[in-house]
């Protein structure tokens, strides 16, 4: 596998992380109120299929914030919903891990893929500054911004992702992602997160990056 070193990092640093009362590790834990039996294995398989979909190392790295409750929480892939995975719009096979009918869909993921598909999606690798799902205590599918402590703690893994990928360009999708990269002393180009009425600015930002800022072939 082309990105085998990255998969090794995930196995060593991310999969063993133990969920807390406010941070859920979707790759190692399951909640049968929402997940299929062995849903965590399904999400790992989806992530593996995503890594296997690259024919060469992408030159651009897009860093999002944390995993959202209706996207990456169940798909295992940032800015990707399980409905997208089973719809066939992506270049790799994916599976549903939730018990929800229909499969979960996420607005940010839909906007993200509308902008990047079909030409740009294979040219970028997407990861989250905090690779787990922050939620309010006792509300498993709630949305919560990651704390500065969480961003600092998980920046160590992000640093290793950057080292392995060696991207020519790093894009921070959202201010929390930008902060995580600043913690590491990494320069990035900021674009608005597509959530909360940010779709237009996100779209314009991505188009500008690929049409005006990038002078290297990706």
N, C-alpha and C. Protein backbone atom coordinates (compact mmCIF):
# COMPACT_ATOMS: atom_id res chain seq x y z
N UNK A 1 0.84 -1.19 0.00
CA UNK A 1 0.00 0.00 0.00
C UNK A 1 0.87 1.24 0.00
N UNK A 2 0.56 2.20 -0.87
CA UNK A 2 1.35 3.41 -1.01
C UNK A 2 1.49 4.16 0.30
N UNK A 3 0.40 4.27 1.05
CA UNK A 3 0.42 5.02 2.31
C UNK A 3 0.49 4.10 3.52
N UNK A 4 1.25 3.03 3.38
CA UNK A 4 1.37 2.05 4.46
C UNK A 4 1.96 2.66 5.72
N UNK A 5 2.90 3.60 5.55
CA UNK A 5 3.51 4.24 6.72
C UNK A 5 2.47 5.04 7.51
N UNK A 6 1.53 5.64 6.78
CA UNK A 6 0.48 6.39 7.45
C UNK A 6 -0.47 5.46 8.20
N UNK A 7 -0.80 4.34 7.59
CA UNK A 7 -1.65 3.35 8.26
C UNK A 7 -0.95 2.83 9.52
N UNK A 8 0.35 2.63 9.44
CA UNK A 8 1.10 2.19 10.61
C UNK A 8 1.03 3.21 11.74
N UNK A 9 1.08 4.49 11.39
CA UNK A 9 0.95 5.55 12.40
C UNK A 9 -0.43 5.50 13.05
N UNK A 10 -1.47 5.31 12.26
CA UNK A 10 -2.82 5.24 12.81
C UNK A 10 -2.96 4.05 13.76
N UNK A 11 -2.39 2.91 13.37
CA UNK A 11 -2.47 1.72 14.22
C UNK A 11 -1.75 1.94 15.55
N UNK A 12 -0.67 2.69 15.50
CA UNK A 12 0.15 2.88 16.70
C UNK A 12 -0.35 4.01 17.59
N UNK A 13 -0.83 5.10 16.99
CA UNK A 13 -1.12 6.31 17.75
C UNK A 13 -2.61 6.62 17.92
N UNK A 14 -3.43 6.22 16.97
CA UNK A 14 -4.84 6.64 16.98
C UNK A 14 -5.78 5.53 17.42
N UNK A 15 -5.65 4.36 16.85
CA UNK A 15 -6.58 3.28 17.20
C UNK A 15 -6.54 2.91 18.68
N UNK A 16 -5.39 2.94 19.36
CA UNK A 16 -5.37 2.54 20.77
C UNK A 16 -5.94 3.60 21.73
N UNK A 17 -6.20 4.82 21.26
CA UNK A 17 -6.67 5.87 22.16
C UNK A 17 -7.99 5.47 22.80
N UNK A 18 -8.09 5.65 24.11
CA UNK A 18 -9.30 5.27 24.84
C UNK A 18 -10.26 6.45 24.91
N UNK A 19 -11.49 6.23 24.53
CA UNK A 19 -12.50 7.28 24.58
C UNK A 19 -12.68 7.78 26.00
N UNK A 20 -13.06 9.07 26.10
CA UNK A 20 -13.37 9.67 27.40
C UNK A 20 -14.86 10.02 27.43
N UNK A 21 -15.28 10.66 28.48
CA UNK A 21 -16.68 11.07 28.59
C UNK A 21 -17.06 12.14 27.58
N UNK A 22 -16.05 12.78 26.96
CA UNK A 22 -16.33 13.88 26.04
C UNK A 22 -15.57 13.78 24.72
N UNK A 23 -14.90 12.65 24.50
CA UNK A 23 -14.13 12.48 23.27
C UNK A 23 -14.22 11.01 22.85
N UNK A 24 -14.84 10.77 21.69
CA UNK A 24 -15.14 9.40 21.26
C UNK A 24 -14.19 8.96 20.16
N UNK A 25 -13.52 7.82 20.39
CA UNK A 25 -12.65 7.24 19.37
C UNK A 25 -13.46 6.25 18.53
N UNK A 26 -13.88 6.69 17.38
CA UNK A 26 -14.74 5.89 16.49
C UNK A 26 -14.02 4.70 15.89
N UNK A 27 -12.69 4.68 15.95
CA UNK A 27 -11.92 3.59 15.36
C UNK A 27 -11.73 2.42 16.32
N UNK A 28 -11.98 2.64 17.60
CA UNK A 28 -11.77 1.55 18.56
C UNK A 28 -12.99 1.25 19.41
N UNK A 29 -13.96 2.18 19.44
CA UNK A 29 -15.10 2.01 20.32
C UNK A 29 -16.42 1.99 19.54
N UNK A 30 -17.43 1.45 20.19
CA UNK A 30 -18.75 1.28 19.60
C UNK A 30 -19.79 1.69 20.62
N UNK A 31 -20.89 2.25 20.14
CA UNK A 31 -22.04 2.54 20.99
C UNK A 31 -23.24 1.92 20.30
N UNK A 32 -23.73 0.83 20.84
CA UNK A 32 -24.78 0.06 20.16
C UNK A 32 -26.12 0.78 20.10
N UNK A 33 -26.21 1.95 20.71
CA UNK A 33 -27.41 2.77 20.50
C UNK A 33 -27.41 3.36 19.08
N UNK A 34 -26.22 3.47 18.51
CA UNK A 34 -26.09 4.12 17.21
C UNK A 34 -25.32 3.28 16.19
N UNK A 35 -24.45 2.38 16.67
CA UNK A 35 -23.53 1.66 15.80
C UNK A 35 -23.97 0.23 15.55
N UNK A 36 -23.64 -0.25 14.36
CA UNK A 36 -23.77 -1.67 14.08
C UNK A 36 -22.75 -2.43 14.93
N UNK A 37 -23.01 -3.72 15.22
CA UNK A 37 -21.98 -4.51 15.90
C UNK A 37 -20.67 -4.45 15.13
N UNK A 38 -19.59 -4.24 15.82
CA UNK A 38 -18.26 -4.11 15.22
C UNK A 38 -18.18 -2.93 14.25
N UNK A 39 -18.95 -1.88 14.56
CA UNK A 39 -18.92 -0.68 13.72
C UNK A 39 -17.54 -0.06 13.64
N UNK A 40 -16.76 -0.18 14.72
CA UNK A 40 -15.42 0.39 14.70
C UNK A 40 -14.55 -0.29 13.64
N UNK A 41 -14.75 -1.58 13.42
CA UNK A 41 -13.99 -2.29 12.38
C UNK A 41 -14.41 -1.81 10.98
N UNK A 42 -15.68 -1.51 10.84
CA UNK A 42 -16.16 -0.98 9.55
C UNK A 42 -15.51 0.36 9.27
N UNK A 43 -15.42 1.20 10.28
CA UNK A 43 -14.81 2.51 10.07
C UNK A 43 -13.32 2.41 9.77
N UNK A 44 -12.65 1.47 10.41
CA UNK A 44 -11.24 1.24 10.06
C UNK A 44 -11.10 0.77 8.62
N UNK A 45 -11.99 -0.10 8.19
CA UNK A 45 -11.96 -0.60 6.82
C UNK A 45 -12.21 0.54 5.83
N UNK A 46 -13.15 1.41 6.15
CA UNK A 46 -13.39 2.56 5.28
C UNK A 46 -12.15 3.44 5.16
N UNK A 47 -11.50 3.67 6.30
CA UNK A 47 -10.28 4.48 6.29
C UNK A 47 -9.19 3.81 5.48
N UNK A 48 -9.05 2.51 5.62
CA UNK A 48 -8.04 1.76 4.86
C UNK A 48 -8.34 1.86 3.36
N UNK A 49 -9.59 1.72 2.99
CA UNK A 49 -9.95 1.83 1.58
C UNK A 49 -9.65 3.23 1.03
N UNK A 50 -9.84 4.24 1.87
CA UNK A 50 -9.50 5.60 1.47
C UNK A 50 -8.01 5.72 1.19
N UNK A 51 -7.18 5.20 2.09
CA UNK A 51 -5.73 5.25 1.88
C UNK A 51 -5.33 4.49 0.62
N UNK A 52 -5.98 3.37 0.39
CA UNK A 52 -5.65 2.55 -0.77
C UNK A 52 -6.09 3.17 -2.10
N UNK A 53 -6.92 4.21 -2.03
CA UNK A 53 -7.44 4.81 -3.26
C UNK A 53 -6.43 5.71 -3.95
N UNK A 54 -5.32 6.04 -3.26
CA UNK A 54 -4.34 6.95 -3.85
C UNK A 54 -3.32 6.19 -4.68
N UNK A 55 -3.11 6.65 -5.91
CA UNK A 55 -2.10 6.05 -6.80
C UNK A 55 -0.75 6.73 -6.64
N UNK A 56 -0.72 7.91 -6.02
CA UNK A 56 0.52 8.59 -5.69
C UNK A 56 0.27 9.47 -4.47
N UNK A 57 1.34 9.84 -3.81
CA UNK A 57 1.19 10.67 -2.61
C UNK A 57 0.64 12.03 -3.01
N UNK A 58 -0.47 12.44 -2.41
CA UNK A 58 -1.04 13.74 -2.76
C UNK A 58 -0.14 14.89 -2.31
N UNK A 59 -0.10 15.93 -3.14
CA UNK A 59 0.76 17.08 -2.85
C UNK A 59 0.12 18.06 -1.90
N UNK A 60 -1.20 17.95 -1.71
CA UNK A 60 -1.93 18.90 -0.89
C UNK A 60 -2.55 18.19 0.30
N UNK A 61 -2.40 18.78 1.47
CA UNK A 61 -2.99 18.23 2.68
C UNK A 61 -4.02 19.22 3.21
N UNK A 62 -5.27 18.77 3.33
CA UNK A 62 -6.34 19.59 3.90
C UNK A 62 -6.59 19.13 5.32
N UNK A 63 -6.44 20.04 6.25
CA UNK A 63 -6.65 19.71 7.66
C UNK A 63 -7.96 20.32 8.12
N UNK A 64 -8.88 19.47 8.57
CA UNK A 64 -10.13 19.92 9.12
C UNK A 64 -10.02 20.07 10.63
N UNK A 65 -11.15 20.20 11.28
CA UNK A 65 -11.14 20.41 12.73
C UNK A 65 -11.30 19.07 13.45
N UNK A 66 -12.37 18.79 14.19
CA UNK A 66 -12.55 17.44 14.72
C UNK A 66 -13.56 16.67 13.88
N UNK A 67 -13.71 15.40 14.18
CA UNK A 67 -14.71 14.58 13.50
C UNK A 67 -16.12 15.03 13.90
N UNK A 68 -16.99 15.23 12.91
CA UNK A 68 -18.36 15.64 13.18
C UNK A 68 -19.26 14.46 13.47
N UNK A 69 -20.41 14.67 14.11
CA UNK A 69 -21.26 13.57 14.56
C UNK A 69 -22.03 12.85 13.45
N UNK A 70 -22.17 13.46 12.28
CA UNK A 70 -22.94 12.81 11.21
C UNK A 70 -22.08 12.51 9.98
N UNK A 71 -20.80 12.85 10.07
CA UNK A 71 -19.89 12.58 8.97
C UNK A 71 -18.83 11.58 9.36
N UNK A 72 -17.66 12.10 9.71
CA UNK A 72 -16.52 11.24 10.04
C UNK A 72 -16.79 10.31 11.22
N UNK A 73 -17.65 10.72 12.14
CA UNK A 73 -17.97 9.86 13.29
C UNK A 73 -18.43 8.48 12.85
N UNK A 74 -19.14 8.39 11.75
CA UNK A 74 -19.64 7.10 11.28
C UNK A 74 -18.95 6.59 10.01
N UNK A 75 -18.39 7.48 9.22
CA UNK A 75 -17.70 7.03 8.00
C UNK A 75 -16.26 6.63 8.28
N UNK A 76 -15.64 7.31 9.26
CA UNK A 76 -14.23 7.07 9.54
C UNK A 76 -13.30 7.90 8.69
N UNK A 77 -13.85 8.73 7.80
CA UNK A 77 -13.05 9.54 6.88
C UNK A 77 -13.49 11.00 7.00
N UNK A 78 -12.56 11.92 7.21
CA UNK A 78 -12.93 13.33 7.35
C UNK A 78 -13.71 13.87 6.16
N UNK A 79 -14.66 14.74 6.44
CA UNK A 79 -15.49 15.38 5.41
C UNK A 79 -16.16 14.37 4.48
N UNK A 80 -16.54 13.26 5.05
CA UNK A 80 -17.19 12.19 4.27
C UNK A 80 -18.31 11.59 5.11
N UNK A 81 -19.47 11.45 4.52
CA UNK A 81 -20.59 10.81 5.23
C UNK A 81 -20.74 9.37 4.77
N UNK A 82 -21.39 8.56 5.59
CA UNK A 82 -21.56 7.17 5.18
C UNK A 82 -22.53 7.06 4.01
N UNK A 83 -23.44 8.02 3.86
CA UNK A 83 -24.32 7.98 2.70
C UNK A 83 -23.52 8.16 1.41
N UNK A 84 -22.51 9.02 1.46
CA UNK A 84 -21.64 9.20 0.29
C UNK A 84 -20.87 7.92 0.00
N UNK A 85 -20.42 7.24 1.06
CA UNK A 85 -19.63 6.03 0.88
C UNK A 85 -20.41 4.94 0.12
N UNK A 86 -21.68 4.81 0.44
CA UNK A 86 -22.44 3.71 -0.18
C UNK A 86 -23.16 4.15 -1.45
N UNK A 87 -23.06 5.44 -1.80
CA UNK A 87 -23.76 5.93 -2.99
C UNK A 87 -22.98 5.70 -4.28
N UNK A 88 -21.68 5.44 -4.14
CA UNK A 88 -20.86 5.21 -5.33
C UNK A 88 -20.26 6.46 -5.94
N UNK A 89 -20.39 7.63 -5.27
CA UNK A 89 -19.85 8.85 -5.85
C UNK A 89 -18.33 8.93 -5.67
N UNK A 90 -17.78 8.17 -4.74
CA UNK A 90 -16.34 8.18 -4.50
C UNK A 90 -15.67 7.07 -5.30
N UNK A 91 -14.35 7.15 -5.37
CA UNK A 91 -13.60 6.21 -6.20
C UNK A 91 -13.26 4.91 -5.48
N UNK A 92 -13.70 4.77 -4.23
CA UNK A 92 -13.40 3.57 -3.45
C UNK A 92 -14.66 3.10 -2.75
N UNK A 93 -14.61 1.85 -2.33
CA UNK A 93 -15.78 1.24 -1.70
C UNK A 93 -15.83 1.57 -0.22
N UNK A 94 -17.04 1.82 0.28
CA UNK A 94 -17.22 2.11 1.68
C UNK A 94 -18.49 1.48 2.22
N UNK A 95 -18.61 1.46 3.54
CA UNK A 95 -19.71 0.73 4.17
C UNK A 95 -20.34 1.55 5.29
N UNK A 96 -21.58 1.27 5.57
CA UNK A 96 -22.30 1.93 6.64
C UNK A 96 -21.93 1.30 7.98
N UNK A 97 -21.68 2.15 8.98
CA UNK A 97 -21.35 1.62 10.31
C UNK A 97 -22.44 1.91 11.32
N UNK A 98 -23.39 2.79 10.96
CA UNK A 98 -24.45 3.15 11.89
C UNK A 98 -25.68 2.29 11.68
N UNK A 99 -26.61 2.36 12.63
CA UNK A 99 -27.90 1.67 12.50
C UNK A 99 -28.95 2.60 11.91
N UNK A 100 -28.56 3.80 11.57
CA UNK A 100 -29.51 4.82 11.12
C UNK A 100 -30.05 4.50 9.73
N UNK A 101 -31.34 4.71 9.55
CA UNK A 101 -31.98 4.50 8.25
C UNK A 101 -32.75 5.76 7.87
N UNK A 102 -32.29 6.47 6.81
CA UNK A 102 -31.20 6.13 5.89
C UNK A 102 -29.83 6.40 6.54
N UNK A 103 -28.74 5.98 5.88
CA UNK A 103 -27.41 6.25 6.41
C UNK A 103 -27.21 7.75 6.64
N UNK A 104 -26.39 8.07 7.62
CA UNK A 104 -26.17 9.47 7.96
C UNK A 104 -25.58 10.26 6.79
N UNK A 105 -26.06 11.50 6.66
CA UNK A 105 -25.53 12.45 5.69
C UNK A 105 -25.13 13.72 6.43
N UNK A 106 -24.11 14.40 5.94
CA UNK A 106 -23.63 15.61 6.59
C UNK A 106 -23.52 16.73 5.57
N UNK A 107 -24.03 17.90 5.92
CA UNK A 107 -24.02 19.03 4.99
C UNK A 107 -22.60 19.43 4.62
N UNK A 108 -21.71 19.53 5.61
CA UNK A 108 -20.33 19.93 5.32
C UNK A 108 -19.65 18.94 4.39
N UNK A 109 -19.88 17.65 4.61
CA UNK A 109 -19.29 16.63 3.75
C UNK A 109 -19.81 16.74 2.32
N UNK A 110 -21.10 16.99 2.19
CA UNK A 110 -21.70 17.13 0.86
C UNK A 110 -21.10 18.32 0.12
N UNK A 111 -21.00 19.46 0.80
CA UNK A 111 -20.42 20.65 0.18
C UNK A 111 -18.96 20.39 -0.20
N UNK A 112 -18.22 19.78 0.72
CA UNK A 112 -16.81 19.49 0.50
C UNK A 112 -16.61 18.68 -0.78
N UNK A 113 -17.39 17.62 -0.92
CA UNK A 113 -17.19 16.75 -2.07
C UNK A 113 -17.74 17.35 -3.36
N UNK A 114 -18.75 18.18 -3.26
CA UNK A 114 -19.24 18.87 -4.45
C UNK A 114 -18.15 19.77 -5.03
N UNK A 115 -17.35 20.36 -4.15
CA UNK A 115 -16.28 21.25 -4.59
C UNK A 115 -15.09 20.46 -5.13
N UNK A 116 -14.75 19.37 -4.47
CA UNK A 116 -13.53 18.65 -4.84
C UNK A 116 -13.72 17.56 -5.89
N UNK A 117 -14.92 17.00 -5.98
CA UNK A 117 -15.15 15.94 -6.96
C UNK A 117 -15.42 16.56 -8.33
N UNK A 118 -15.03 15.87 -9.42
CA UNK A 118 -14.24 14.63 -9.43
C UNK A 118 -12.74 14.85 -9.56
N UNK A 119 -12.30 16.07 -9.94
CA UNK A 119 -10.90 16.26 -10.32
C UNK A 119 -9.95 16.47 -9.16
N UNK A 120 -10.40 17.15 -8.08
CA UNK A 120 -9.49 17.51 -7.01
C UNK A 120 -9.42 16.49 -5.89
N UNK A 121 -10.48 15.74 -5.68
CA UNK A 121 -10.55 14.80 -4.55
C UNK A 121 -9.36 13.84 -4.52
N UNK A 122 -8.95 13.26 -5.66
CA UNK A 122 -7.81 12.33 -5.62
C UNK A 122 -6.47 13.01 -5.41
N UNK A 123 -6.43 14.33 -5.46
CA UNK A 123 -5.16 15.05 -5.40
C UNK A 123 -4.86 15.60 -4.01
N UNK A 124 -5.79 15.45 -3.09
CA UNK A 124 -5.58 15.97 -1.75
C UNK A 124 -5.82 14.85 -0.73
N UNK A 125 -5.12 14.97 0.39
CA UNK A 125 -5.38 14.05 1.50
C UNK A 125 -6.00 14.87 2.62
N UNK A 126 -7.06 14.34 3.19
CA UNK A 126 -7.82 15.07 4.20
C UNK A 126 -7.66 14.38 5.56
N UNK A 127 -7.36 15.20 6.56
CA UNK A 127 -7.25 14.68 7.93
C UNK A 127 -7.77 15.73 8.88
N UNK A 128 -8.02 15.33 10.13
CA UNK A 128 -8.54 16.25 11.13
C UNK A 128 -7.49 16.58 12.18
N UNK A 129 -7.51 17.83 12.64
CA UNK A 129 -6.59 18.26 13.70
C UNK A 129 -6.78 17.43 14.97
N UNK A 130 -8.04 17.16 15.30
CA UNK A 130 -8.38 16.23 16.39
C UNK A 130 -9.11 15.06 15.74
N UNK A 131 -8.51 13.87 15.70
CA UNK A 131 -9.06 12.77 14.92
C UNK A 131 -10.23 12.03 15.57
N UNK A 132 -10.72 12.56 16.70
CA UNK A 132 -11.82 11.92 17.41
C UNK A 132 -13.04 12.85 17.43
N UNK A 133 -14.15 12.37 17.98
CA UNK A 133 -15.38 13.17 17.98
C UNK A 133 -15.60 13.81 19.36
N UNK A 134 -15.41 15.12 19.46
CA UNK A 134 -15.72 15.81 20.72
C UNK A 134 -17.24 15.96 20.86
N UNK A 135 -17.75 15.66 22.02
CA UNK A 135 -19.19 15.77 22.25
C UNK A 135 -19.42 16.25 23.67
N UNK A 136 -20.63 16.72 23.93
CA UNK A 136 -20.99 17.14 25.28
C UNK A 136 -21.19 15.90 26.15
N UNK A 137 -20.86 16.03 27.39
CA UNK A 137 -20.97 14.90 28.31
C UNK A 137 -22.42 14.38 28.34
N UNK A 138 -22.58 13.10 28.06
CA UNK A 138 -23.89 12.48 28.08
C UNK A 138 -24.69 12.67 26.79
N UNK A 139 -24.15 13.40 25.83
CA UNK A 139 -24.83 13.62 24.55
C UNK A 139 -23.90 13.16 23.43
N UNK A 140 -23.98 11.88 23.10
CA UNK A 140 -22.99 11.26 22.23
C UNK A 140 -22.94 11.83 20.82
N UNK A 141 -24.06 12.31 20.30
CA UNK A 141 -24.07 12.82 18.94
C UNK A 141 -24.18 14.35 18.90
N UNK A 142 -23.74 14.99 19.95
CA UNK A 142 -23.74 16.45 19.98
C UNK A 142 -22.47 16.99 19.32
N UNK A 143 -22.48 18.30 19.09
CA UNK A 143 -21.33 18.98 18.49
C UNK A 143 -20.66 19.84 19.56
N UNK A 144 -19.36 19.71 19.65
CA UNK A 144 -18.59 20.52 20.59
C UNK A 144 -17.26 20.88 19.96
N UNK A 145 -16.86 22.14 20.07
CA UNK A 145 -15.54 22.53 19.58
C UNK A 145 -14.47 21.89 20.46
N UNK A 146 -13.38 21.45 19.86
CA UNK A 146 -12.29 20.91 20.68
C UNK A 146 -11.67 22.01 21.53
N UNK A 147 -11.22 21.66 22.70
CA UNK A 147 -10.56 22.62 23.58
C UNK A 147 -9.13 22.84 23.10
N UNK A 148 -8.53 23.91 23.60
CA UNK A 148 -7.12 24.16 23.27
C UNK A 148 -6.24 23.01 23.76
N UNK A 149 -6.58 22.47 24.91
CA UNK A 149 -5.80 21.35 25.45
C UNK A 149 -5.88 20.14 24.51
N UNK A 150 -7.07 19.86 23.98
CA UNK A 150 -7.23 18.74 23.05
C UNK A 150 -6.45 18.99 21.76
N UNK A 151 -6.49 20.22 21.28
CA UNK A 151 -5.74 20.55 20.07
C UNK A 151 -4.25 20.38 20.30
N UNK A 152 -3.75 20.86 21.43
CA UNK A 152 -2.33 20.73 21.74
C UNK A 152 -1.94 19.26 21.89
N UNK A 153 -2.77 18.50 22.60
CA UNK A 153 -2.46 17.09 22.84
C UNK A 153 -2.36 16.31 21.53
N UNK A 154 -3.32 16.49 20.65
CA UNK A 154 -3.36 15.70 19.43
C UNK A 154 -2.55 16.29 18.29
N UNK A 155 -1.93 17.45 18.54
CA UNK A 155 -1.04 18.02 17.53
C UNK A 155 0.20 17.14 17.33
N UNK A 156 0.50 16.33 18.31
CA UNK A 156 1.67 15.44 18.18
C UNK A 156 1.45 14.44 17.05
N UNK A 157 0.24 13.88 16.97
CA UNK A 157 -0.07 12.95 15.88
C UNK A 157 -0.14 13.70 14.56
N UNK A 158 -0.73 14.88 14.58
CA UNK A 158 -0.80 15.68 13.36
C UNK A 158 0.59 15.98 12.83
N UNK A 159 1.52 16.27 13.73
CA UNK A 159 2.90 16.52 13.31
C UNK A 159 3.49 15.32 12.58
N UNK A 160 3.18 14.12 13.05
CA UNK A 160 3.70 12.91 12.41
C UNK A 160 3.04 12.68 11.06
N UNK A 161 1.76 13.02 10.95
CA UNK A 161 1.08 12.92 9.65
C UNK A 161 1.76 13.84 8.64
N UNK A 162 2.04 15.06 9.05
CA UNK A 162 2.71 16.02 8.16
C UNK A 162 4.10 15.52 7.77
N UNK A 163 4.81 14.95 8.72
CA UNK A 163 6.16 14.45 8.43
C UNK A 163 6.12 13.33 7.39
N UNK A 164 5.16 12.43 7.52
CA UNK A 164 5.08 11.30 6.59
C UNK A 164 4.58 11.73 5.22
N UNK A 165 3.61 12.64 5.19
CA UNK A 165 3.01 13.03 3.92
C UNK A 165 3.88 14.02 3.13
N UNK A 166 4.62 14.87 3.84
CA UNK A 166 5.49 15.88 3.21
C UNK A 166 4.75 16.64 2.10
N UNK A 167 3.64 17.27 2.43
CA UNK A 167 2.85 17.96 1.40
C UNK A 167 3.55 19.22 0.89
N UNK A 168 3.26 19.58 -0.34
CA UNK A 168 3.77 20.83 -0.90
C UNK A 168 2.94 22.01 -0.42
N UNK A 169 1.71 21.73 -0.03
CA UNK A 169 0.82 22.78 0.43
C UNK A 169 -0.10 22.24 1.51
N UNK A 170 -0.31 23.04 2.56
CA UNK A 170 -1.22 22.67 3.64
C UNK A 170 -2.35 23.69 3.70
N UNK A 171 -3.57 23.19 3.71
CA UNK A 171 -4.74 24.04 3.78
C UNK A 171 -5.44 23.79 5.11
N UNK A 172 -5.70 24.86 5.86
CA UNK A 172 -6.43 24.76 7.12
C UNK A 172 -7.89 25.09 6.88
N UNK A 173 -8.75 24.11 7.09
CA UNK A 173 -10.19 24.31 6.89
C UNK A 173 -10.81 24.63 8.25
N UNK A 174 -10.96 25.93 8.54
CA UNK A 174 -11.50 26.34 9.83
C UNK A 174 -10.41 26.85 10.76
N UNK A 175 -10.81 27.68 11.72
CA UNK A 175 -9.85 28.31 12.62
C UNK A 175 -9.20 27.33 13.59
N UNK A 176 -9.93 26.29 14.00
CA UNK A 176 -9.33 25.31 14.91
C UNK A 176 -8.21 24.55 14.21
N UNK A 177 -8.41 24.25 12.94
CA UNK A 177 -7.36 23.60 12.16
C UNK A 177 -6.16 24.52 12.00
N UNK A 178 -6.44 25.80 11.75
CA UNK A 178 -5.36 26.77 11.61
C UNK A 178 -4.55 26.87 12.91
N UNK A 179 -5.25 26.86 14.06
CA UNK A 179 -4.58 26.91 15.35
C UNK A 179 -3.68 25.69 15.55
N UNK A 180 -4.20 24.52 15.21
CA UNK A 180 -3.42 23.29 15.39
C UNK A 180 -2.12 23.34 14.58
N UNK A 181 -2.19 23.90 13.40
CA UNK A 181 -0.99 24.00 12.56
C UNK A 181 -0.03 25.06 13.09
N UNK A 182 -0.58 26.15 13.63
CA UNK A 182 0.27 27.18 14.23
C UNK A 182 1.02 26.64 15.44
N UNK A 183 0.35 25.77 16.21
CA UNK A 183 1.00 25.13 17.35
C UNK A 183 2.26 24.40 16.92
N UNK A 184 2.21 23.83 15.73
CA UNK A 184 3.34 23.06 15.21
C UNK A 184 4.33 23.93 14.43
N UNK A 185 4.03 25.22 14.33
CA UNK A 185 4.90 26.10 13.58
C UNK A 185 4.82 25.90 12.08
N UNK A 186 3.67 25.38 11.61
CA UNK A 186 3.49 25.10 10.20
C UNK A 186 2.65 26.19 9.53
N UNK A 187 3.13 26.69 8.42
CA UNK A 187 2.36 27.67 7.67
C UNK A 187 1.29 26.95 6.85
N UNK A 188 0.17 27.63 6.67
CA UNK A 188 -0.93 27.04 5.92
C UNK A 188 -1.74 28.15 5.27
N UNK A 189 -2.58 27.77 4.34
CA UNK A 189 -3.53 28.69 3.75
C UNK A 189 -4.89 28.42 4.37
N UNK A 190 -5.49 29.45 4.92
CA UNK A 190 -6.77 29.29 5.61
C UNK A 190 -7.93 29.41 4.63
N UNK A 191 -8.92 28.51 4.78
CA UNK A 191 -10.20 28.66 4.09
C UNK A 191 -11.30 28.48 5.13
N UNK A 192 -12.40 29.15 4.88
CA UNK A 192 -13.55 29.06 5.77
C UNK A 192 -14.09 27.64 5.81
N UNK A 193 -14.48 27.19 6.99
CA UNK A 193 -15.12 25.88 7.11
C UNK A 193 -16.49 25.95 6.43
N UNK A 194 -16.91 24.89 5.71
CA UNK A 194 -18.19 24.96 4.99
C UNK A 194 -19.43 24.96 5.86
N UNK A 195 -19.31 24.68 7.15
CA UNK A 195 -20.48 24.66 8.01
C UNK A 195 -20.94 26.08 8.35
N UNK A 196 -22.14 26.18 8.91
CA UNK A 196 -22.68 27.45 9.41
C UNK A 196 -22.59 28.57 8.37
N UNK A 197 -23.19 28.29 7.22
CA UNK A 197 -23.28 29.27 6.11
C UNK A 197 -21.93 29.61 5.50
N UNK A 198 -20.96 28.72 5.65
CA UNK A 198 -19.64 29.00 5.10
C UNK A 198 -19.39 28.39 3.74
N UNK A 199 -20.42 27.81 3.11
CA UNK A 199 -20.23 27.08 1.85
C UNK A 199 -19.63 27.95 0.76
N UNK A 200 -20.17 29.15 0.60
CA UNK A 200 -19.71 30.03 -0.49
C UNK A 200 -18.25 30.42 -0.31
N UNK A 201 -17.89 30.82 0.91
CA UNK A 201 -16.50 31.23 1.16
C UNK A 201 -15.55 30.04 1.04
N UNK A 202 -15.99 28.87 1.51
CA UNK A 202 -15.16 27.67 1.37
C UNK A 202 -14.92 27.36 -0.10
N UNK A 203 -15.97 27.40 -0.90
CA UNK A 203 -15.86 27.11 -2.33
C UNK A 203 -14.91 28.09 -3.02
N UNK A 204 -15.08 29.37 -2.72
CA UNK A 204 -14.22 30.38 -3.34
C UNK A 204 -12.77 30.20 -2.91
N UNK A 205 -12.56 29.85 -1.63
CA UNK A 205 -11.21 29.66 -1.14
C UNK A 205 -10.51 28.49 -1.80
N UNK A 206 -11.20 27.37 -1.93
CA UNK A 206 -10.61 26.19 -2.58
C UNK A 206 -10.31 26.48 -4.05
N UNK A 207 -11.24 27.13 -4.73
CA UNK A 207 -11.02 27.46 -6.14
C UNK A 207 -9.83 28.39 -6.31
N UNK A 208 -9.69 29.35 -5.40
CA UNK A 208 -8.56 30.27 -5.48
C UNK A 208 -7.24 29.54 -5.28
N UNK A 209 -7.22 28.63 -4.32
CA UNK A 209 -5.99 27.89 -4.04
C UNK A 209 -5.53 27.11 -5.26
N UNK A 210 -6.45 26.41 -5.89
CA UNK A 210 -6.06 25.55 -6.98
C UNK A 210 -5.88 26.29 -8.31
N UNK A 211 -6.45 27.46 -8.42
CA UNK A 211 -6.32 28.20 -9.68
C UNK A 211 -5.24 29.28 -9.64
N UNK A 212 -5.01 29.86 -8.46
CA UNK A 212 -4.11 30.99 -8.37
C UNK A 212 -2.88 30.73 -7.51
N UNK A 213 -3.08 30.05 -6.38
CA UNK A 213 -1.98 29.90 -5.43
C UNK A 213 -1.05 28.77 -5.84
N UNK A 214 -1.63 27.65 -6.27
CA UNK A 214 -0.79 26.50 -6.61
C UNK A 214 -0.08 26.72 -7.94
N UNK A 215 1.22 26.69 -7.90
CA UNK A 215 2.01 26.78 -9.13
C UNK A 215 2.71 25.47 -9.43
N UNK A 216 2.53 24.49 -8.55
CA UNK A 216 3.12 23.17 -8.77
C UNK A 216 2.04 22.24 -9.27
N UNK A 217 2.42 21.22 -9.98
CA UNK A 217 1.47 20.24 -10.48
C UNK A 217 1.04 19.34 -9.34
N UNK A 218 -0.27 19.17 -9.21
CA UNK A 218 -0.78 18.27 -8.17
C UNK A 218 -1.57 17.14 -8.82
